[in-house]
C-alpha atoms as a PDB file:
ATOM      1  CA  MET A   1     129.281 126.326  88.972  1.00  0.00           C
ATOM      2  CA  ASN A   2     126.267 124.689  90.563  1.00  0.00           C
ATOM      3  CA  LEU A   3     125.090 121.547  88.712  1.00  0.00           C
ATOM      4  CA  VAL A   4     121.408 122.525  88.916  1.00  0.00           C
ATOM      5  CA  ALA A   5     122.189 125.970  87.529  1.00  0.00           C
ATOM      6  CA  LEU A   6     124.163 124.361  84.699  1.00  0.00           C
ATOM      7  CA  ILE A   7     121.291 122.047  83.807  1.00  0.00           C
ATOM      8  CA  ALA A   8     118.776 124.901  84.053  1.00  0.00           C
ATOM      9  CA  SER A   9     120.950 127.024  81.742  1.00  0.00           C
ATOM     10  CA  PHE A  10     120.387 124.546  78.929  1.00  0.00           C
ATOM     11  CA  GLY A  11     116.629 125.073  79.312  1.00  0.00           C
ATOM     12  CA  PRO A  12     114.410 122.765  77.279  1.00  0.00           C
ATOM     13  CA  TRP A  13     117.389 120.926  75.814  1.00  0.00           C
ATOM     14  CA  SER A  14     118.216 119.462  79.210  1.00  0.00           C
ATOM     15  CA  TRP A  15     114.792 117.771  79.170  1.00  0.00           C
ATOM     16  CA  MET A  16     115.427 116.487  75.653  1.00  0.00           C
ATOM     17  CA  VAL A  17     118.789 114.995  76.633  1.00  0.00           C
ATOM     18  CA  PHE A  18     117.293 113.553  79.840  1.00  0.00           C
ATOM     19  CA  GLY A  19     114.472 111.958  77.821  1.00  0.00           C
ATOM     20  CA  LEU A  20     116.876 110.447  75.303  1.00  0.00           C
ATOM     21  CA  VAL A  21     119.072 109.080  78.109  1.00  0.00           C
ATOM     22  CA  LEU A  22     116.013 107.450  79.710  1.00  0.00           C
ATOM     23  CA  LEU A  23     114.955 105.946  76.381  1.00  0.00           C
ATOM     24  CA  GLY A  24     118.497 104.627  75.920  1.00  0.00           C
ATOM     25  CA  LEU A  25     118.386 103.103  79.398  1.00  0.00           C
ATOM     26  CA  GLU A  26     115.134 101.368  78.453  1.00  0.00           C
ATOM     27  CA  LEU A  27     117.024  99.624  75.666  1.00  0.00           C
ATOM     28  CA  ALA A  28     119.799  98.555  78.046  1.00  0.00           C
ATOM     29  CA  VAL A  29     117.549  97.620  80.987  1.00  0.00           C
ATOM     30  CA  PRO A  30     114.242  96.519  79.474  1.00  0.00           C
ATOM     31  CA  GLY A  31     111.287  96.590  81.782  1.00  0.00           C
ATOM     32  CA  GLY A  32     108.754  98.752  80.019  1.00  0.00           C
ATOM     33  CA  PHE A  33     108.568 101.624  82.454  1.00  0.00           C
ATOM     34  CA  LEU A  34     111.585 103.842  81.655  1.00  0.00           C
ATOM     35  CA  ILE A  35     110.094 104.499  78.243  1.00  0.00           C
ATOM     36  CA  TRP A  36     107.265 106.448  79.876  1.00  0.00           C
ATOM     37  CA  PHE A  37     109.678 108.585  81.893  1.00  0.00           C
ATOM     38  CA  GLY A  38     111.679 109.233  78.714  1.00  0.00           C
ATOM     39  CA  VAL A  39     108.620 110.167  76.675  1.00  0.00           C
ATOM     40  CA  SER A  40     107.410 112.423  79.502  1.00  0.00           C
ATOM     41  CA  ALA A  41     110.779 114.201  79.594  1.00  0.00           C
ATOM     42  CA  LEU A  42     110.643 114.734  75.827  1.00  0.00           C
ATOM     43  CA  VAL A  43     107.109 116.129  76.095  1.00  0.00           C
ATOM     44  CA  ILE A  44     108.167 118.533  78.858  1.00  0.00           C
ATOM     45  CA  GLY A  45     111.164 119.564  76.736  1.00  0.00           C
ATOM     46  CA  ALA A  46     108.916 120.255  73.747  1.00  0.00           C
ATOM     47  CA  LEU A  47     106.469 122.141  75.984  1.00  0.00           C
ATOM     48  CA  THR A  48     109.198 124.358  77.428  1.00  0.00           C
ATOM     49  CA  LEU A  49     110.450 125.161  73.927  1.00  0.00           C
ATOM     50  CA  VAL A  50     107.062 126.743  73.237  1.00  0.00           C
ATOM     51  CA  VAL A  51     106.023 128.092  76.655  1.00  0.00           C
ATOM     52  CA  ALA A  52     108.238 129.527  79.386  1.00  0.00           C
ATOM     53  CA  VAL A  53     107.598 127.453  82.521  1.00  0.00           C
ATOM     54  CA  SER A  54     109.374 127.736  85.856  1.00  0.00           C
ATOM     55  CA  TRP A  55     111.815 124.975  86.821  1.00  0.00           C
ATOM     56  CA  PRO A  56     109.759 123.621  89.784  1.00  0.00           C
ATOM     57  CA  LEU A  57     106.605 123.579  87.662  1.00  0.00           C
ATOM     58  CA  GLN A  58     108.469 121.636  84.970  1.00  0.00           C
ATOM     59  CA  TRP A  59     109.399 118.955  87.514  1.00  0.00           C
ATOM     60  CA  LEU A  60     105.846 118.817  88.812  1.00  0.00           C
ATOM     61  CA  ALA A  61     104.489 118.446  85.273  1.00  0.00           C
ATOM     62  CA  PHE A  62     107.111 115.769  84.541  1.00  0.00           C
ATOM     63  CA  ALA A  63     106.110 113.787  87.632  1.00  0.00           C
ATOM     64  CA  ALA A  64     102.388 114.074  86.873  1.00  0.00           C
ATOM     65  CA  LEU A  65     102.832 113.148  83.221  1.00  0.00           C
ATOM     66  CA  SER A  66     105.110 110.187  84.032  1.00  0.00           C
ATOM     67  CA  LEU A  67     102.792 108.751  86.668  1.00  0.00           C
ATOM     68  CA  SER A  68      99.750 109.245  84.446  1.00  0.00           C
ATOM     69  CA  ALA A  69     101.454 107.494  81.518  1.00  0.00           C
ATOM     70  CA  ILE A  70     102.513 104.541  83.674  1.00  0.00           C
ATOM     71  CA  PHE A  71      99.025 104.248  85.198  1.00  0.00           C
ATOM     72  CA  ILE A  72      97.352 104.272  81.765  1.00  0.00           C
ATOM     73  CA  TRP A  73      99.907 101.784  80.399  1.00  0.00           C
ATOM     74  CA  THR A  74      99.383  99.281  83.224  1.00  0.00           C
ATOM     75  CA  LYS A  75      95.588  99.511  82.954  1.00  0.00           C
ATOM     76  CA  SER A  76      95.627  98.994  79.180  1.00  0.00           C
ATOM     77  CA  ALA A  77      98.155  96.143  79.447  1.00  0.00           C
ATOM     78  CA  LYS A  78      95.854  94.284  81.841  1.00  0.00           C
ATOM     79  CA  ARG A  79      92.943  94.654  79.430  1.00  0.00           C
ATOM     80  CA  ARG A  80      95.006  93.429  76.464  1.00  0.00           C
ATOM     81  CA  GLN A  81      96.090  90.148  78.036  1.00  0.00           C
ATOM     82  CA  ALA A  82      95.379  87.370  75.590  1.00  0.00           C
ATOM     83  CA  HIS A  83      93.048  84.646  76.751  1.00  0.00           C
ATOM     84  CA  SER A  84      94.455  81.255  75.871  1.00  0.00           C
ATOM     85  CA  ASP A  85      92.450  78.276  74.716  1.00  0.00           C
ATOM     86  CA  LYS A  86      94.998  76.207  76.719  1.00  0.00           C
ATOM     87  CA  PRO A  87      95.405  78.007  80.043  1.00  0.00           C
ATOM     88  CA  LEU A  88      97.144  75.000  81.656  1.00  0.00           C
ATOM     89  CA  LEU A  89      99.764  74.645  78.899  1.00  0.00           C
ATOM     90  CA  ASN A  90     102.770  75.074  81.213  1.00  0.00           C
ATOM     91  CA  GLN A  91     101.127  73.513  84.266  1.00  0.00           C
ATOM     92  CA  ARG A  92     101.545  69.870  83.409  1.00  0.00           C
ATOM     93  CA  THR A  93     100.380  68.424  86.725  1.00  0.00           C
ATOM     94  CA  ASP A  94      97.185  70.487  86.598  1.00  0.00           C
ATOM     95  CA  GLN A  95      96.486  69.110  83.108  1.00  0.00           C
ATOM     96  CA  LEU A  96      96.471  65.594  84.537  1.00  0.00           C
ATOM     97  CA  ILE A  97      93.678  66.198  87.054  1.00  0.00           C
ATOM     98  CA  GLY A  98      90.795  63.885  86.199  1.00  0.00           C
ATOM     99  CA  GLN A  99      92.979  61.359  84.327  1.00  0.00           C
ATOM    100  CA  THR A 100      92.731  57.710  85.318  1.00  0.00           C
ATOM    101  CA  GLY A 101      95.337  54.992  85.212  1.00  0.00           C
ATOM    102  CA  LEU A 102      96.755  51.903  86.871  1.00  0.00           C
ATOM    103  CA  LEU A 103      99.338  51.921  89.619  1.00  0.00           C
ATOM    104  CA  SER A 104     102.680  50.568  88.407  1.00  0.00           C
ATOM    105  CA  GLU A 105     103.952  50.411  91.997  1.00  0.00           C
ATOM    106  CA  PRO A 106     101.768  50.056  95.082  1.00  0.00           C
ATOM    107  CA  ILE A 107     101.035  53.021  97.290  1.00  0.00           C
ATOM    108  CA  ILE A 108     102.740  52.220 100.576  1.00  0.00           C
ATOM    109  CA  SER A 109     102.819  54.741 103.429  1.00  0.00           C
ATOM    110  CA  GLY A 110     101.117  57.238 101.152  1.00  0.00           C
ATOM    111  CA  LEU A 111     103.530  57.112  98.167  1.00  0.00           C
ATOM    112  CA  GLY A 112     103.627  55.063  94.978  1.00  0.00           C
ATOM    113  CA  ARG A 113     103.999  55.352  91.177  1.00  0.00           C
ATOM    114  CA  MET A 114     101.757  55.235  88.138  1.00  0.00           C
ATOM    115  CA  HIS A 115     102.126  55.543  84.356  1.00  0.00           C
ATOM    116  CA  ILE A 116     100.279  58.296  82.529  1.00  0.00           C
ATOM    117  CA  GLY A 117     101.170  58.457  78.860  1.00  0.00           C
ATOM    118  CA  ASP A 118     104.909  57.927  78.535  1.00  0.00           C
ATOM    119  CA  THR A 119     105.780  59.213  82.014  1.00  0.00           C
ATOM    120  CA  VAL A 120     106.007  57.528  85.383  1.00  0.00           C
ATOM    121  CA  TRP A 121     104.599  59.821  88.078  1.00  0.00           C
ATOM    122  CA  ARG A 122     105.008  59.696  91.833  1.00  0.00           C
ATOM    123  CA  VAL A 123     101.603  59.591  93.454  1.00  0.00           C
ATOM    124  CA  SER A 124     100.259  60.024  96.943  1.00  0.00           C
ATOM    125  CA  GLY A 125      97.069  58.660  98.363  1.00  0.00           C
ATOM    126  CA  PRO A 126      95.611  55.814 100.384  1.00  0.00           C
ATOM    127  CA  ASP A 127      97.543  52.541 100.418  1.00  0.00           C
ATOM    128  CA  LEU A 128      96.608  50.527  97.297  1.00  0.00           C
ATOM    129  CA  THR A 129      98.086  47.528  95.496  1.00  0.00           C
ATOM    130  CA  THR A 130      99.880  47.433  92.137  1.00  0.00           C
ATOM    131  CA  GLY A 131      97.390  47.480  89.262  1.00  0.00           C
ATOM    132  CA  SER A 132      94.702  49.366  91.197  1.00  0.00           C
ATOM    133  CA  LYS A 133      92.771  51.819  89.064  1.00  0.00           C
ATOM    134  CA  VAL A 134      93.120  55.406  90.363  1.00  0.00           C
ATOM    135  CA  ARG A 135      92.043  58.904  89.357  1.00  0.00           C
ATOM    136  CA  VAL A 136      94.219  62.016  89.723  1.00  0.00           C
ATOM    137  CA  VAL A 137      92.447  64.528  91.989  1.00  0.00           C
ATOM    138  CA  GLY A 138      95.195  67.095  92.564  1.00  0.00           C
ATOM    139  CA  ALA A 139      98.904  67.769  92.702  1.00  0.00           C
ATOM    140  CA  ASP A 140     101.463  68.857  95.280  1.00  0.00           C
ATOM    141  CA  GLY A 141     104.413  70.070  93.221  1.00  0.00           C
ATOM    142  CA  ASN A 142     105.280  67.128  90.964  1.00  0.00           C
ATOM    143  CA  ILE A 143     103.557  64.491  93.102  1.00  0.00           C
ATOM    144  CA  LEU A 144     100.042  63.647  91.957  1.00  0.00           C
ATOM    145  CA  ARG A 145      97.318  63.055  94.545  1.00  0.00           C
ATOM    146  CA  VAL A 146      95.146  60.095  93.620  1.00  0.00           C
ATOM    147  CA  GLU A 147      92.124  58.253  94.899  1.00  0.00           C
ATOM    148  CA  ALA A 148      90.761  54.798  94.110  1.00  0.00           C
ATOM    149  CA  PHE A 149      88.500  54.774  91.073  1.00  0.00           C
END
């Protein structure tokens, strides 16, 4: 027997099973998008229980409903993003921009070290002597760029 004919013979219940399988896959492979395919399949299954719809039209409705649900979900998720009062929380080097301190090692050939808080940072900038007061003006990875203050 042809697989498509077998699936079509189950009618709306094939959509219900397909939707439940997709929802189960969302639990196993979380990502937030399979849920919308699963819900769309369940909606198409419920629709075909009530109204007789041709097989190709069911697939077209499933595709349209799935894409619409994903589009609406992504738009609403972007609007719901929480605005933090500490946007640089996990960007430690960016938090240090504007801080001043003294060089604990001289800057020679563009590299040196300075203490900020309880951490010794590698710094880059113009050649300066130990004890020079500098201000952090940027960062390249975990190396702070400094200038004389």
